[in-house]
N, C-alpha and C. Protein backbone atom coordinates (compact mmCIF):
# COMPACT_ATOMS: atom_id res chain seq x y z
N UNK A 1 11.16 12.95 8.39
CA UNK A 1 10.45 11.70 8.50
C UNK A 1 10.04 11.21 7.11
N UNK A 2 10.13 9.92 6.92
CA UNK A 2 9.67 9.27 5.69
C UNK A 2 8.52 8.35 6.08
N UNK A 3 7.48 8.34 5.25
CA UNK A 3 6.31 7.51 5.53
C UNK A 3 6.05 6.56 4.38
N UNK A 4 5.85 5.29 4.74
CA UNK A 4 5.46 4.25 3.79
C UNK A 4 4.04 3.83 4.17
N UNK A 5 3.14 3.88 3.21
CA UNK A 5 1.77 3.43 3.44
C UNK A 5 1.58 2.17 2.59
N UNK A 6 1.33 1.07 3.26
CA UNK A 6 1.15 -0.22 2.59
C UNK A 6 -0.34 -0.52 2.54
N UNK A 7 -0.82 -0.83 1.33
CA UNK A 7 -2.25 -1.09 1.13
C UNK A 7 -2.42 -2.46 0.48
N UNK A 8 -3.25 -3.28 1.11
CA UNK A 8 -3.65 -4.53 0.45
C UNK A 8 -4.79 -4.18 -0.50
N UNK A 9 -4.78 -4.75 -1.68
CA UNK A 9 -5.85 -4.47 -2.65
C UNK A 9 -7.22 -4.66 -2.03
N UNK A 10 -8.20 -3.97 -2.58
CA UNK A 10 -9.58 -4.07 -2.10
C UNK A 10 -10.20 -5.40 -2.52
N UNK A 11 -11.40 -5.67 -2.01
CA UNK A 11 -12.11 -6.93 -2.24
C UNK A 11 -12.29 -7.17 -3.74
N UNK A 12 -11.85 -8.33 -4.18
CA UNK A 12 -11.91 -8.68 -5.60
C UNK A 12 -12.86 -9.84 -5.84
N UNK A 13 -13.24 -10.01 -7.10
CA UNK A 13 -14.09 -11.14 -7.45
C UNK A 13 -13.28 -12.42 -7.33
N UNK A 14 -13.94 -13.50 -6.90
CA UNK A 14 -13.22 -14.77 -6.79
C UNK A 14 -13.06 -15.40 -8.17
N UNK A 15 -11.89 -15.94 -8.41
CA UNK A 15 -11.60 -16.67 -9.64
C UNK A 15 -10.73 -17.85 -9.27
N UNK A 16 -10.60 -18.75 -10.24
CA UNK A 16 -9.60 -19.79 -10.07
C UNK A 16 -8.23 -19.14 -10.20
N UNK A 17 -7.21 -19.83 -9.80
CA UNK A 17 -5.87 -19.25 -9.83
C UNK A 17 -5.33 -19.03 -11.23
N UNK A 18 -5.97 -19.64 -12.24
CA UNK A 18 -5.54 -19.40 -13.62
C UNK A 18 -5.77 -17.94 -14.02
N UNK A 19 -6.76 -17.30 -13.45
CA UNK A 19 -7.11 -15.93 -13.80
C UNK A 19 -6.75 -14.95 -12.70
N UNK A 20 -5.89 -15.33 -11.79
CA UNK A 20 -5.61 -14.51 -10.61
C UNK A 20 -5.15 -13.10 -10.97
N UNK A 21 -4.26 -12.96 -11.93
CA UNK A 21 -3.68 -11.66 -12.26
C UNK A 21 -4.75 -10.66 -12.71
N UNK A 22 -5.79 -11.16 -13.38
CA UNK A 22 -6.81 -10.29 -13.97
C UNK A 22 -8.08 -10.14 -13.15
N UNK A 23 -8.05 -10.55 -11.89
CA UNK A 23 -9.24 -10.42 -11.05
C UNK A 23 -9.61 -8.95 -10.88
N UNK A 24 -10.90 -8.65 -11.04
CA UNK A 24 -11.40 -7.28 -10.91
C UNK A 24 -11.91 -7.04 -9.50
N UNK A 25 -12.07 -5.77 -9.15
CA UNK A 25 -12.63 -5.42 -7.85
C UNK A 25 -14.13 -5.62 -7.85
N UNK A 26 -14.65 -6.04 -6.72
CA UNK A 26 -16.09 -6.07 -6.51
C UNK A 26 -16.55 -4.64 -6.21
N UNK A 27 -17.85 -4.42 -6.29
CA UNK A 27 -18.39 -3.10 -5.93
C UNK A 27 -18.02 -2.76 -4.49
N UNK A 28 -18.10 -3.76 -3.62
CA UNK A 28 -17.72 -3.54 -2.22
C UNK A 28 -16.27 -3.07 -2.12
N UNK A 29 -15.38 -3.67 -2.90
CA UNK A 29 -13.97 -3.28 -2.89
C UNK A 29 -13.79 -1.84 -3.35
N UNK A 30 -14.51 -1.46 -4.40
CA UNK A 30 -14.43 -0.07 -4.88
C UNK A 30 -14.91 0.90 -3.80
N UNK A 31 -16.01 0.53 -3.15
CA UNK A 31 -16.55 1.39 -2.08
C UNK A 31 -15.57 1.49 -0.90
N UNK A 32 -14.98 0.35 -0.51
CA UNK A 32 -14.01 0.35 0.59
C UNK A 32 -12.82 1.24 0.26
N UNK A 33 -12.29 1.12 -0.97
CA UNK A 33 -11.14 1.91 -1.38
C UNK A 33 -11.48 3.40 -1.38
N UNK A 34 -12.66 3.74 -1.85
CA UNK A 34 -13.10 5.14 -1.83
C UNK A 34 -13.22 5.65 -0.41
N UNK A 35 -13.79 4.85 0.46
CA UNK A 35 -14.02 5.27 1.84
C UNK A 35 -12.70 5.49 2.59
N UNK A 36 -11.79 4.55 2.49
CA UNK A 36 -10.53 4.67 3.22
C UNK A 36 -9.67 5.80 2.65
N UNK A 37 -9.58 5.90 1.32
CA UNK A 37 -8.77 6.97 0.75
C UNK A 37 -9.38 8.34 1.04
N UNK A 38 -10.69 8.43 1.09
CA UNK A 38 -11.34 9.69 1.45
C UNK A 38 -11.04 10.06 2.90
N UNK A 39 -10.99 9.08 3.78
CA UNK A 39 -10.63 9.32 5.19
C UNK A 39 -9.20 9.84 5.28
N UNK A 40 -8.30 9.28 4.50
CA UNK A 40 -6.92 9.74 4.50
C UNK A 40 -6.83 11.20 4.04
N UNK A 41 -7.57 11.54 3.00
CA UNK A 41 -7.60 12.93 2.51
C UNK A 41 -8.12 13.85 3.62
N UNK A 42 -9.18 13.41 4.28
CA UNK A 42 -9.76 14.18 5.39
C UNK A 42 -8.74 14.41 6.50
N UNK A 43 -7.87 13.42 6.71
CA UNK A 43 -6.83 13.51 7.75
C UNK A 43 -5.57 14.23 7.26
N UNK A 44 -5.58 14.71 6.03
CA UNK A 44 -4.44 15.46 5.51
C UNK A 44 -3.30 14.60 5.00
N UNK A 45 -3.56 13.32 4.76
CA UNK A 45 -2.51 12.41 4.27
C UNK A 45 -2.62 12.34 2.76
N UNK A 46 -1.50 12.53 2.08
CA UNK A 46 -1.49 12.46 0.63
C UNK A 46 -0.30 11.64 0.16
N UNK A 47 -0.36 11.27 -1.10
CA UNK A 47 0.72 10.48 -1.70
C UNK A 47 1.62 11.37 -2.52
N UNK A 48 2.91 11.26 -2.28
CA UNK A 48 3.90 11.91 -3.15
C UNK A 48 4.31 10.96 -4.27
N UNK A 49 4.15 9.66 -4.03
CA UNK A 49 4.50 8.62 -4.99
C UNK A 49 3.60 7.43 -4.74
N UNK A 50 3.11 6.81 -5.82
CA UNK A 50 2.30 5.59 -5.71
C UNK A 50 2.97 4.51 -6.54
N UNK A 51 3.19 3.37 -5.90
CA UNK A 51 3.76 2.19 -6.56
C UNK A 51 2.77 1.05 -6.36
N UNK A 52 2.48 0.31 -7.40
CA UNK A 52 1.48 -0.76 -7.31
C UNK A 52 1.96 -2.04 -7.99
N UNK A 53 1.44 -3.14 -7.49
CA UNK A 53 1.51 -4.39 -8.23
C UNK A 53 0.77 -4.15 -9.55
N UNK A 54 1.22 -4.78 -10.63
CA UNK A 54 0.51 -4.60 -11.90
C UNK A 54 -0.79 -5.41 -12.01
N UNK A 55 -1.04 -6.31 -11.05
CA UNK A 55 -2.27 -7.10 -11.09
C UNK A 55 -3.48 -6.18 -11.06
N UNK A 56 -4.49 -6.53 -11.82
CA UNK A 56 -5.64 -5.65 -12.04
C UNK A 56 -6.27 -5.15 -10.74
N UNK A 57 -6.49 -6.02 -9.75
CA UNK A 57 -7.17 -5.62 -8.52
C UNK A 57 -6.35 -4.64 -7.69
N UNK A 58 -5.04 -4.81 -7.67
CA UNK A 58 -4.18 -3.89 -6.92
C UNK A 58 -4.08 -2.55 -7.65
N UNK A 59 -3.89 -2.60 -8.97
CA UNK A 59 -3.74 -1.37 -9.74
C UNK A 59 -5.03 -0.56 -9.70
N UNK A 60 -6.19 -1.21 -9.76
CA UNK A 60 -7.47 -0.49 -9.68
C UNK A 60 -7.63 0.15 -8.30
N UNK A 61 -7.24 -0.55 -7.25
CA UNK A 61 -7.28 0.03 -5.90
C UNK A 61 -6.39 1.27 -5.86
N UNK A 62 -5.19 1.17 -6.42
CA UNK A 62 -4.28 2.32 -6.45
C UNK A 62 -4.90 3.49 -7.22
N UNK A 63 -5.59 3.20 -8.32
CA UNK A 63 -6.22 4.26 -9.11
C UNK A 63 -7.32 4.97 -8.32
N UNK A 64 -8.07 4.23 -7.53
CA UNK A 64 -9.12 4.85 -6.72
C UNK A 64 -8.50 5.79 -5.68
N UNK A 65 -7.46 5.33 -5.01
CA UNK A 65 -6.76 6.19 -4.04
C UNK A 65 -6.20 7.41 -4.75
N UNK A 66 -5.56 7.20 -5.91
CA UNK A 66 -4.95 8.31 -6.65
C UNK A 66 -5.99 9.36 -7.01
N UNK A 67 -7.14 8.91 -7.47
CA UNK A 67 -8.21 9.84 -7.84
C UNK A 67 -8.60 10.71 -6.65
N UNK A 68 -8.77 10.10 -5.49
CA UNK A 68 -9.15 10.86 -4.30
C UNK A 68 -8.04 11.78 -3.81
N UNK A 69 -6.79 11.39 -4.05
CA UNK A 69 -5.65 12.24 -3.66
C UNK A 69 -5.35 13.32 -4.71
N UNK A 70 -6.07 13.26 -5.84
CA UNK A 70 -5.77 14.14 -6.98
C UNK A 70 -4.32 13.92 -7.46
N UNK A 71 -3.93 12.68 -7.43
CA UNK A 71 -2.61 12.23 -7.88
C UNK A 71 -2.77 11.78 -9.34
N UNK A 72 -1.89 12.17 -10.23
CA UNK A 72 -2.05 11.78 -11.64
C UNK A 72 -1.94 10.26 -11.85
N UNK A 73 -3.06 9.65 -12.23
CA UNK A 73 -3.14 8.20 -12.37
C UNK A 73 -2.09 7.67 -13.35
N UNK A 74 -1.79 8.44 -14.38
CA UNK A 74 -0.84 7.97 -15.39
C UNK A 74 0.60 7.94 -14.89
N UNK A 75 0.84 8.42 -13.66
CA UNK A 75 2.20 8.36 -13.11
C UNK A 75 2.35 7.27 -12.04
N UNK A 76 1.31 6.47 -11.84
CA UNK A 76 1.43 5.34 -10.90
C UNK A 76 2.48 4.38 -11.46
N UNK A 77 3.47 4.06 -10.64
CA UNK A 77 4.52 3.13 -11.06
C UNK A 77 4.08 1.70 -10.74
N UNK A 78 4.45 0.77 -11.58
CA UNK A 78 4.17 -0.64 -11.27
C UNK A 78 5.49 -1.35 -10.97
N UNK A 79 5.38 -2.31 -10.08
CA UNK A 79 6.54 -3.11 -9.67
C UNK A 79 6.10 -4.57 -9.67
N UNK A 80 6.60 -5.32 -10.65
CA UNK A 80 6.21 -6.72 -10.84
C UNK A 80 6.37 -7.56 -9.57
N UNK A 81 7.43 -7.32 -8.81
CA UNK A 81 7.70 -8.13 -7.63
C UNK A 81 6.64 -7.95 -6.53
N UNK A 82 5.87 -6.89 -6.59
CA UNK A 82 4.78 -6.73 -5.61
C UNK A 82 3.69 -7.76 -5.87
N UNK A 83 3.65 -8.31 -7.06
CA UNK A 83 2.72 -9.40 -7.37
C UNK A 83 3.41 -10.75 -7.17
N UNK A 84 4.61 -10.86 -7.68
CA UNK A 84 5.31 -12.15 -7.66
C UNK A 84 5.90 -12.49 -6.30
N UNK A 85 6.17 -11.47 -5.49
CA UNK A 85 6.74 -11.70 -4.16
C UNK A 85 8.15 -11.17 -4.08
N UNK A 86 8.47 -10.63 -2.91
CA UNK A 86 9.82 -10.12 -2.67
C UNK A 86 10.12 -10.25 -1.19
N UNK A 87 11.39 -10.23 -0.86
CA UNK A 87 11.78 -10.29 0.55
C UNK A 87 11.67 -8.90 1.15
N UNK A 88 11.70 -8.84 2.46
CA UNK A 88 11.70 -7.54 3.13
C UNK A 88 12.92 -6.73 2.70
N UNK A 89 14.07 -7.37 2.58
CA UNK A 89 15.28 -6.64 2.18
C UNK A 89 15.15 -6.10 0.76
N UNK A 90 14.55 -6.86 -0.13
CA UNK A 90 14.33 -6.38 -1.49
C UNK A 90 13.39 -5.16 -1.48
N UNK A 91 12.39 -5.20 -0.60
CA UNK A 91 11.48 -4.06 -0.48
C UNK A 91 12.20 -2.84 0.09
N UNK A 92 13.02 -3.04 1.11
CA UNK A 92 13.81 -1.95 1.68
C UNK A 92 14.73 -1.38 0.60
N UNK A 93 15.33 -2.23 -0.20
CA UNK A 93 16.19 -1.76 -1.29
C UNK A 93 15.41 -0.92 -2.29
N UNK A 94 14.15 -1.31 -2.57
CA UNK A 94 13.28 -0.53 -3.45
C UNK A 94 13.03 0.85 -2.84
N UNK A 95 12.73 0.90 -1.54
CA UNK A 95 12.49 2.17 -0.87
C UNK A 95 13.73 3.06 -0.91
N UNK A 96 14.88 2.47 -0.79
CA UNK A 96 16.13 3.24 -0.76
C UNK A 96 16.44 3.91 -2.11
N UNK A 97 15.74 3.51 -3.15
CA UNK A 97 15.91 4.11 -4.48
C UNK A 97 14.96 5.29 -4.72
N UNK A 98 14.06 5.54 -3.79
CA UNK A 98 13.08 6.62 -3.96
C UNK A 98 13.79 7.97 -3.87
N UNK A 99 13.44 8.90 -4.75
CA UNK A 99 14.04 10.24 -4.67
C UNK A 99 13.77 10.90 -3.32
N UNK A 100 14.75 11.61 -2.82
CA UNK A 100 14.68 12.18 -1.47
C UNK A 100 13.56 13.21 -1.29
N UNK A 101 13.14 13.87 -2.38
CA UNK A 101 12.07 14.87 -2.21
C UNK A 101 10.72 14.23 -1.90
N UNK A 102 10.61 12.93 -2.11
CA UNK A 102 9.38 12.19 -1.77
C UNK A 102 9.36 11.97 -0.26
N UNK A 103 8.24 12.34 0.37
CA UNK A 103 8.08 12.12 1.81
C UNK A 103 7.19 10.91 2.10
N UNK A 104 6.12 10.74 1.31
CA UNK A 104 5.15 9.67 1.56
C UNK A 104 4.96 8.85 0.29
N UNK A 105 5.22 7.55 0.40
CA UNK A 105 5.00 6.63 -0.70
C UNK A 105 3.90 5.65 -0.32
N UNK A 106 2.97 5.43 -1.23
CA UNK A 106 1.93 4.43 -1.07
C UNK A 106 2.31 3.22 -1.92
N UNK A 107 2.19 2.02 -1.34
CA UNK A 107 2.55 0.78 -2.03
C UNK A 107 1.34 -0.15 -1.96
N UNK A 108 0.87 -0.60 -3.13
CA UNK A 108 -0.31 -1.45 -3.23
C UNK A 108 0.10 -2.85 -3.64
N UNK A 109 -0.36 -3.85 -2.86
CA UNK A 109 0.03 -5.22 -3.15
C UNK A 109 -0.97 -6.23 -2.62
N UNK A 110 -0.44 -7.40 -2.29
CA UNK A 110 -1.25 -8.59 -2.00
C UNK A 110 -0.75 -9.27 -0.73
N UNK A 111 -1.66 -10.01 -0.09
CA UNK A 111 -1.22 -10.89 0.98
C UNK A 111 -0.65 -12.16 0.34
N UNK A 112 0.27 -12.84 0.97
CA UNK A 112 0.80 -12.58 2.31
C UNK A 112 1.90 -11.50 2.34
N UNK A 113 2.31 -11.01 1.15
CA UNK A 113 3.43 -10.06 1.11
C UNK A 113 3.18 -8.82 1.94
N UNK A 114 2.02 -8.18 1.80
CA UNK A 114 1.81 -6.92 2.52
C UNK A 114 1.82 -7.14 4.04
N UNK A 115 1.29 -8.27 4.48
CA UNK A 115 1.34 -8.56 5.92
C UNK A 115 2.79 -8.73 6.38
N UNK A 116 3.55 -9.52 5.65
CA UNK A 116 4.95 -9.77 6.04
C UNK A 116 5.78 -8.49 6.02
N UNK A 117 5.59 -7.66 4.99
CA UNK A 117 6.33 -6.41 4.94
C UNK A 117 5.99 -5.53 6.13
N UNK A 118 4.70 -5.38 6.41
CA UNK A 118 4.28 -4.56 7.55
C UNK A 118 4.88 -5.09 8.84
N UNK A 119 4.75 -6.39 9.04
CA UNK A 119 5.25 -7.02 10.25
C UNK A 119 6.76 -6.86 10.39
N UNK A 120 7.48 -6.89 9.28
CA UNK A 120 8.94 -6.83 9.33
C UNK A 120 9.51 -5.41 9.32
N UNK A 121 8.69 -4.42 8.99
CA UNK A 121 9.20 -3.05 8.93
C UNK A 121 9.01 -2.28 10.23
N UNK A 122 8.09 -2.75 11.08
CA UNK A 122 7.85 -2.06 12.36
C UNK A 122 8.32 -2.92 13.52
N UNK A 123 8.44 -2.27 14.66
CA UNK A 123 8.86 -2.99 15.87
C UNK A 123 7.79 -3.96 16.35
N UNK A 124 6.51 -3.56 16.21
CA UNK A 124 5.42 -4.41 16.68
C UNK A 124 4.20 -4.22 15.82
N UNK A 125 3.69 -5.30 15.27
CA UNK A 125 2.45 -5.29 14.49
C UNK A 125 1.69 -6.55 14.87
N UNK A 126 0.59 -6.37 15.56
CA UNK A 126 -0.15 -7.55 16.03
C UNK A 126 -1.59 -7.53 15.52
N UNK A 127 -1.71 -7.32 14.23
CA UNK A 127 -3.02 -7.28 13.61
C UNK A 127 -2.99 -8.12 12.35
N UNK A 128 -4.07 -8.07 11.59
CA UNK A 128 -4.10 -8.77 10.32
C UNK A 128 -4.26 -7.74 9.20
N UNK A 129 -4.29 -8.21 7.97
CA UNK A 129 -4.38 -7.32 6.81
C UNK A 129 -5.51 -7.79 5.89
N UNK A 130 -6.76 -7.59 6.31
CA UNK A 130 -7.85 -7.94 5.40
C UNK A 130 -7.83 -7.04 4.17
N UNK A 131 -8.63 -7.35 3.18
CA UNK A 131 -8.63 -6.55 1.96
C UNK A 131 -8.84 -5.07 2.26
N UNK A 132 -8.13 -4.25 1.55
CA UNK A 132 -8.13 -2.78 1.63
C UNK A 132 -7.54 -2.23 2.93
N UNK A 133 -6.88 -3.09 3.71
CA UNK A 133 -6.15 -2.59 4.89
C UNK A 133 -5.13 -1.58 4.42
N UNK A 134 -5.02 -0.49 5.16
CA UNK A 134 -4.11 0.60 4.83
C UNK A 134 -3.30 0.93 6.07
N UNK A 135 -2.00 0.69 6.01
CA UNK A 135 -1.14 0.81 7.17
C UNK A 135 -0.07 1.88 6.91
N UNK A 136 -0.01 2.87 7.79
CA UNK A 136 1.01 3.90 7.69
C UNK A 136 2.18 3.57 8.60
N UNK A 137 3.38 3.59 8.04
CA UNK A 137 4.60 3.30 8.78
C UNK A 137 5.51 4.51 8.69
N UNK A 138 5.85 5.07 9.83
CA UNK A 138 6.72 6.24 9.88
C UNK A 138 8.14 5.84 10.26
N UNK A 139 9.09 6.38 9.52
CA UNK A 139 10.50 6.16 9.79
C UNK A 139 11.12 7.50 10.16
N UNK A 140 11.71 7.55 11.33
CA UNK A 140 12.31 8.78 11.83
C UNK A 140 13.69 8.98 11.21
N UNK A 141 13.68 9.19 9.89
CA UNK A 141 14.91 9.39 9.12
C UNK A 141 14.68 10.51 8.12
N UNK A 142 15.74 11.14 7.67
CA UNK A 142 15.58 12.19 6.66
C UNK A 142 15.89 11.68 5.26
N UNK A 143 16.46 10.49 5.15
CA UNK A 143 16.83 9.93 3.86
C UNK A 143 16.25 8.52 3.71
N UNK A 144 15.75 8.23 2.51
CA UNK A 144 15.27 6.88 2.24
C UNK A 144 16.39 5.85 2.40
N UNK A 145 17.60 6.27 2.23
CA UNK A 145 18.74 5.34 2.36
C UNK A 145 18.89 4.82 3.79
N UNK A 146 18.25 5.51 4.75
CA UNK A 146 18.35 5.10 6.16
C UNK A 146 17.16 4.27 6.63
N UNK A 147 16.21 3.99 5.75
CA UNK A 147 15.07 3.14 6.11
C UNK A 147 15.58 1.71 6.31
N UNK A 148 15.07 1.04 7.34
CA UNK A 148 15.52 -0.32 7.61
C UNK A 148 14.38 -1.17 8.17
N UNK A 149 14.55 -2.49 8.07
CA UNK A 149 13.61 -3.41 8.69
C UNK A 149 13.59 -3.15 10.20
N UNK A 150 12.41 -3.25 10.77
CA UNK A 150 12.17 -3.01 12.20
C UNK A 150 12.42 -1.56 12.61
N UNK A 151 12.65 -0.66 11.64
CA UNK A 151 12.96 0.73 11.95
C UNK A 151 11.75 1.65 11.95
N UNK A 152 10.59 1.13 11.57
CA UNK A 152 9.40 1.97 11.46
C UNK A 152 8.51 1.91 12.69
N UNK A 153 7.66 2.91 12.79
CA UNK A 153 6.63 2.96 13.84
C UNK A 153 5.27 2.96 13.17
N UNK A 154 4.34 2.22 13.74
CA UNK A 154 2.98 2.16 13.21
C UNK A 154 2.29 3.50 13.48
N UNK A 155 1.94 4.22 12.42
CA UNK A 155 1.28 5.52 12.54
C UNK A 155 -0.24 5.35 12.53
N UNK A 156 -0.74 4.46 11.68
CA UNK A 156 -2.19 4.20 11.62
C UNK A 156 -2.43 2.88 10.90
N UNK A 157 -3.60 2.33 11.14
CA UNK A 157 -4.04 1.11 10.46
C UNK A 157 -5.54 1.23 10.25
N UNK A 158 -5.93 1.45 9.01
CA UNK A 158 -7.34 1.58 8.66
C UNK A 158 -7.79 0.31 7.95
N UNK A 159 -9.00 -0.16 8.31
CA UNK A 159 -9.59 -1.34 7.68
C UNK A 159 -11.05 -1.03 7.38
N UNK A 160 -11.61 -1.63 6.33
CA UNK A 160 -12.99 -1.35 5.98
C UNK A 160 -13.99 -1.57 7.13
N UNK A 161 -13.77 -2.57 7.95
CA UNK A 161 -14.73 -2.84 9.03
C UNK A 161 -14.81 -1.70 10.05
N UNK A 162 -13.84 -0.80 10.06
CA UNK A 162 -13.88 0.34 10.97
C UNK A 162 -14.94 1.35 10.56
N UNK A 163 -15.43 1.24 9.31
CA UNK A 163 -16.37 2.21 8.77
C UNK A 163 -17.77 1.65 8.63
N UNK A 164 -17.99 0.46 9.12
CA UNK A 164 -19.31 -0.19 8.99
C UNK A 164 -20.22 0.21 10.12
């Protein structure tokens, strides 16, 4: 089995769109990211690979998760298209390049992309993706090369409001 965990960045400070790339996380966003990633650790879920949008709010969210997973922060990969936008097929192509020894990849990005990817990778997704939503998608395949759109099953969906 291969697992893709898609995470929308945590709550960020509001800015005009001129400063969008450099938006920082709010304290609430940092707390939400700590809470959800700690729950994942408690449930025995860890990251073998972390890929993030290079935008400050997404990368900081990824760093918080990495810290809780004891994943080396300096090995977080960035993928520009997670900020700029990509098609589901482009995302599947990215997954197909992952080394086979990796079982679980965490991907940090932005709406509407993370919602569309989640919706297009599973058979049924009828929820939304508020900030810091963390969605686990399981693919019943042994190779990343066999991952496909609509081929995943929803394993879990954690949102900050579940912990309030």
